Amino acid sequence: MGAKAHSLAGVLFFDGLSQESRASLEASCRWRACEPGETIIYHLDSSDEVFFLVAGKARAIIYSDSGKAVGFRAIEAGDIFGELAAIDDKSRSASIEAVEPCLVACMRKVVFWDTLRTENAFMVRLVDHLAKQIRDLTIRIYEFSTHAVSNRIHAELYRLAQEHIDAAGIARIRPIPRHGDIAGRVATTREAVAREFSHLTRLGVLQRTSTELLVLDLDRLAAMVHDASEFKD
């Protein structure tokens, strides 16, 4: 990834900024290329930079003392992470690991706050982002408290499918999610995920190829998720 890739143009948070303002921010950032599996920031680290994922995919995760991985969210190109430590001056709330080769723009805390104060569009995008994170975590807490393991797997699969629906109404998830990654997000084991995926395959909801996981019947999966909820329309 060369110097030409060092652009914030594809990061939604900077939509609405002038070209001059964005160029100034690009010049102020420290740019970092990360390989798959590399830790970008560590849980409980005391650093306070804010990061923007320009290219690639990453994940927010915490490991228990026994090595069990608890996943919180997938981070896609265009996303922000690390903003909480810059806001409240506390240690990092989770580790961030690269899933694919990544290019990250690292913004100093002082620049982040200056941008918040001077660029209304940036501030609005950040508030929207924080509200979405709170809503997503609220849903997950509800699911952990009320849903059986199989229902939590269905809900996570349905969320993932929403990002990959084609014109025919089939979700083509690429790359194929690892059982361990899904297990970490829904507080179960990879064996439980494998069993439920096999069950969904027998029902005709899922199909796996060499390159992608197909959700063939989104309506049925949605109904399974809905039926597990106590709050129905």
Protein backbone atom coordinates (compact mmCIF):
# COMPACT_ATOMS: atom_id res chain seq x y z
CA MET A 1 0.00 0.00 0.00
CA GLY A 2 1.80 3.07 -1.25
CA ALA A 3 1.56 6.75 -0.49
CA LYS A 4 -1.37 7.17 -2.91
CA ALA A 5 -3.43 4.94 -0.61
CA HIS A 6 -2.90 7.35 2.28
CA SER A 7 -6.29 8.99 1.82
CA LEU A 8 -9.27 9.48 4.13
CA ALA A 9 -11.62 9.99 1.19
CA GLY A 10 -13.29 6.60 1.72
CA VAL A 11 -13.89 7.12 5.44
CA LEU A 12 -17.50 8.16 6.06
CA PHE A 13 -16.59 10.23 9.11
CA PHE A 14 -14.87 12.78 6.87
CA ASP A 15 -17.73 13.24 4.41
CA GLY A 16 -18.67 16.90 4.39
CA LEU A 17 -15.17 18.15 5.13
CA SER A 18 -13.47 20.33 2.57
CA GLN A 19 -10.71 18.80 0.48
CA GLU A 20 -8.26 21.15 2.20
CA SER A 21 -9.35 20.07 5.68
CA ARG A 22 -9.18 16.39 4.79
CA ALA A 23 -5.72 16.81 3.24
CA SER A 24 -4.53 18.49 6.43
CA LEU A 25 -5.83 15.59 8.52
CA GLU A 26 -4.22 13.03 6.21
CA ALA A 27 -0.88 14.78 6.63
CA SER A 28 -1.26 14.81 10.42
CA CYS A 29 -2.00 11.07 10.69
CA ARG A 30 0.50 8.31 11.27
CA TRP A 31 -0.13 5.58 8.70
CA ARG A 32 0.28 1.92 9.59
CA ALA A 33 0.04 -1.25 7.50
CA CYS A 34 -0.94 -4.38 9.45
CA GLU A 35 -0.85 -8.05 8.52
CA PRO A 36 -3.64 -10.57 9.29
CA GLY A 37 -3.49 -11.61 12.94
CA GLU A 38 -1.51 -8.52 13.98
CA THR A 39 -2.74 -6.66 17.07
CA ILE A 40 -3.32 -3.00 16.29
CA ILE A 41 -4.12 -1.98 19.87
CA TYR A 42 -4.10 -4.04 23.06
CA HIS A 43 -6.81 -4.40 25.69
CA LEU A 44 -6.06 -2.15 28.72
CA ASP A 45 -3.25 -0.34 26.87
CA SER A 46 -2.84 3.29 27.95
CA SER A 47 -2.42 4.84 24.48
CA ASP A 48 -4.99 7.41 23.30
CA GLU A 49 -4.70 7.66 19.50
CA VAL A 50 -7.88 7.32 17.43
CA PHE A 51 -7.80 4.97 14.44
CA PHE A 52 -9.58 4.90 11.08
CA LEU A 53 -9.55 1.70 9.07
CA VAL A 54 -8.87 2.82 5.51
CA ALA A 55 -8.58 -0.67 3.98
CA GLY A 56 -9.05 -4.26 5.17
CA LYS A 57 -11.02 -5.83 8.01
CA ALA A 58 -10.38 -6.05 11.75
CA ARG A 59 -12.18 -7.17 14.89
CA ALA A 60 -12.63 -5.99 18.47
CA ILE A 61 -11.88 -8.78 20.91
CA ILE A 62 -10.87 -9.58 24.51
CA TYR A 63 -9.09 -12.74 25.61
CA SER A 64 -9.79 -14.27 29.02
CA ASP A 65 -6.98 -15.49 31.25
CA SER A 66 -7.63 -19.00 29.91
CA GLY A 67 -7.31 -17.79 26.32
CA LYS A 68 -11.00 -17.78 25.42
CA ALA A 69 -11.81 -15.13 22.84
CA VAL A 70 -14.82 -12.86 23.35
CA GLY A 71 -15.62 -10.90 20.20
CA PHE A 72 -17.50 -7.61 20.18
CA ARG A 73 -17.72 -6.33 16.63
CA ALA A 74 -16.35 -6.62 13.15
CA ILE A 75 -14.57 -3.50 11.92
CA GLU A 76 -14.85 -2.76 8.21
CA ALA A 77 -12.99 -0.33 5.96
CA GLY A 78 -14.24 3.17 6.75
CA ASP A 79 -14.82 2.46 10.45
CA ILE A 80 -13.39 4.25 13.50
CA PHE A 81 -11.98 2.54 16.59
CA GLY A 82 -10.07 3.54 19.68
CA GLU A 83 -12.18 6.65 20.16
CA LEU A 84 -13.32 5.79 23.70
CA ALA A 85 -9.84 6.14 25.21
CA ALA A 86 -9.46 9.55 23.55
CA ILE A 87 -12.81 10.65 24.96
CA ASP A 88 -12.63 9.44 28.57
CA ASP A 89 -8.85 9.07 29.15
CA LYS A 90 -9.25 5.47 30.31
CA SER A 91 -7.41 2.36 29.12
CA ARG A 92 -8.40 0.49 25.97
CA SER A 93 -11.70 -1.37 26.32
CA ALA A 94 -10.70 -4.18 23.91
CA SER A 95 -7.95 -5.37 21.64
CA ILE A 96 -8.21 -4.73 17.91
CA GLU A 97 -6.79 -7.41 15.59
CA ALA A 98 -6.35 -7.30 11.83
CA VAL A 99 -8.35 -10.00 10.04
CA GLU A 100 -7.09 -9.05 6.58
CA PRO A 101 -4.18 -6.87 5.45
CA CYS A 102 -5.11 -3.45 6.81
CA LEU A 103 -4.17 0.17 6.30
CA VAL A 104 -4.86 2.29 9.37
CA ALA A 105 -4.76 6.05 9.81
CA CYS A 106 -3.67 6.83 13.39
CA MET A 107 -4.83 10.25 14.63
CA ARG A 108 -3.42 11.93 17.71
CA LYS A 109 -5.91 12.71 20.46
CA VAL A 110 -5.36 16.47 20.19
CA VAL A 111 -6.12 16.39 16.46
CA PHE A 112 -9.21 14.26 17.06
CA TRP A 113 -10.57 16.78 19.58
CA ASP A 114 -9.70 19.77 17.39
CA THR A 115 -11.61 18.14 14.53
CA LEU A 116 -14.61 17.47 16.79
CA ARG A 117 -14.68 21.13 17.83
CA THR A 118 -14.25 22.64 14.36
CA GLU A 119 -15.96 20.19 11.95
CA ASN A 120 -19.67 19.80 12.64
CA ALA A 121 -20.07 17.00 10.06
CA PHE A 122 -17.39 14.95 11.80
CA MET A 123 -19.02 15.48 15.19
CA VAL A 124 -22.43 14.37 13.88
CA ARG A 125 -20.97 11.21 12.33
CA LEU A 126 -19.23 10.33 15.59
CA VAL A 127 -22.41 10.81 17.65
CA ASP A 128 -24.30 8.57 15.20
CA HIS A 129 -21.56 5.95 15.49
CA LEU A 130 -21.62 5.97 19.31
CA ALA A 131 -25.42 5.71 19.37
CA LYS A 132 -25.26 2.69 17.03
CA GLN A 133 -22.66 0.99 19.24
CA ILE A 134 -24.87 1.44 22.32
CA ARG A 135 -27.91 0.04 20.51
CA ASP A 136 -25.94 -2.95 19.20
CA LEU A 137 -24.58 -3.75 22.66
CA THR A 138 -28.05 -3.41 24.17
CA ILE A 139 -29.37 -5.99 21.71
CA ARG A 140 -26.52 -8.36 22.50
CA ILE A 141 -27.04 -8.06 26.26
CA TYR A 142 -30.72 -8.86 25.74
CA GLU A 143 -29.85 -11.90 23.60
CA PHE A 144 -27.29 -13.17 26.11
CA SER A 145 -29.87 -12.86 28.89
CA THR A 146 -32.89 -14.40 27.15
CA HIS A 147 -31.84 -16.52 24.16
CA ALA A 148 -30.63 -20.09 23.96
CA VAL A 149 -27.28 -20.68 22.25
CA SER A 150 -28.88 -21.74 18.97
CA ASN A 151 -31.01 -18.58 18.91
CA ARG A 152 -27.95 -16.38 19.53
CA ILE A 153 -26.18 -18.07 16.62
CA HIS A 154 -29.19 -17.45 14.37
CA ALA A 155 -29.27 -13.77 15.35
CA GLU A 156 -25.54 -13.29 14.73
CA LEU A 157 -25.75 -15.08 11.37
CA TYR A 158 -28.71 -12.92 10.35
CA ARG A 159 -26.84 -9.73 11.26
CA LEU A 160 -23.86 -10.88 9.25
CA ALA A 161 -26.04 -11.82 6.29
CA GLN A 162 -27.50 -8.31 6.03
CA GLU A 163 -24.17 -7.01 4.75
CA HIS A 164 -23.93 -9.53 1.89
CA ILE A 165 -27.36 -9.80 0.20
CA ASP A 166 -27.28 -9.98 -3.61
CA ALA A 167 -29.95 -9.02 -6.16
CA ALA A 168 -31.52 -12.48 -5.89
CA GLY A 169 -32.05 -12.10 -2.15
CA ILE A 170 -29.31 -14.56 -1.23
CA ALA A 171 -26.61 -13.58 1.27
CA ARG A 172 -23.16 -14.53 -0.03
CA ILE A 173 -20.83 -14.17 2.93
CA ARG A 174 -17.17 -13.86 1.96
CA PRO A 175 -14.79 -14.76 3.43
CA ILE A 176 -16.47 -17.67 5.16
CA PRO A 177 -16.77 -16.76 8.88
CA ARG A 178 -14.81 -18.98 11.20
CA HIS A 179 -16.82 -20.92 13.74
CA GLY A 180 -14.55 -19.64 16.49
CA ASP A 181 -15.20 -16.01 15.54
CA ILE A 182 -18.97 -16.44 15.69
CA ALA A 183 -18.65 -18.41 18.94
CA GLY A 184 -16.71 -15.53 20.48
CA ARG A 185 -19.45 -13.06 19.58
CA VAL A 186 -22.29 -15.10 21.07
CA ALA A 187 -20.53 -16.60 24.12
CA THR A 188 -20.49 -20.24 23.09
CA THR A 189 -18.08 -22.82 21.61
CA ARG A 190 -17.01 -23.38 18.02
CA GLU A 191 -18.44 -26.90 18.30
CA ALA A 192 -21.89 -25.47 19.07
CA VAL A 193 -21.64 -23.17 16.05
CA ALA A 194 -20.60 -26.08 13.82
CA ARG A 195 -23.57 -28.16 15.03
CA GLU A 196 -26.04 -25.34 14.41
CA PHE A 197 -24.61 -24.60 10.96
CA SER A 198 -25.02 -28.29 10.10
CA HIS A 199 -28.63 -28.13 11.30
CA LEU A 200 -29.33 -25.02 9.21
CA THR A 201 -27.75 -26.70 6.19
CA ARG A 202 -30.08 -29.69 6.58
CA LEU A 203 -33.02 -27.28 6.75
CA GLY A 204 -31.94 -25.67 3.48
CA VAL A 205 -31.16 -22.33 5.10
CA LEU A 206 -27.38 -22.53 4.62
CA GLN A 207 -25.03 -23.84 1.98
CA ARG A 208 -21.25 -23.71 2.06
CA THR A 209 -19.00 -23.63 -1.00
CA SER A 210 -15.22 -23.48 -1.19
CA THR A 211 -15.25 -19.68 -1.11
CA GLU A 212 -18.47 -18.47 0.51
CA LEU A 213 -21.23 -19.20 2.98
CA LEU A 214 -24.66 -18.84 1.36
CA VAL A 215 -27.77 -17.97 3.34
CA LEU A 216 -30.36 -19.33 0.91
CA ASP A 217 -33.50 -18.65 2.94
CA LEU A 218 -33.23 -15.30 4.67
CA ASP A 219 -36.96 -15.21 5.39
CA ARG A 220 -36.82 -18.47 7.32
CA LEU A 221 -33.74 -17.36 9.24
CA ALA A 222 -35.45 -14.05 10.04
CA ALA A 223 -38.51 -15.93 11.30
CA MET A 224 -36.31 -18.07 13.55
CA VAL A 225 -34.74 -14.95 15.02
CA HIS A 226 -38.12 -13.27 15.47
CA ASP A 227 -39.69 -16.31 17.10
CA ALA A 228 -36.94 -16.40 19.71
CA SER A 229 -37.77 -12.87 20.86
CA GLU A 230 -40.29 -12.08 23.57
CA PHE A 231 -40.93 -8.73 21.89
CA LYS A 232 -42.97 -9.53 18.78
CA ASP A 233 -44.99 -7.21 16.57
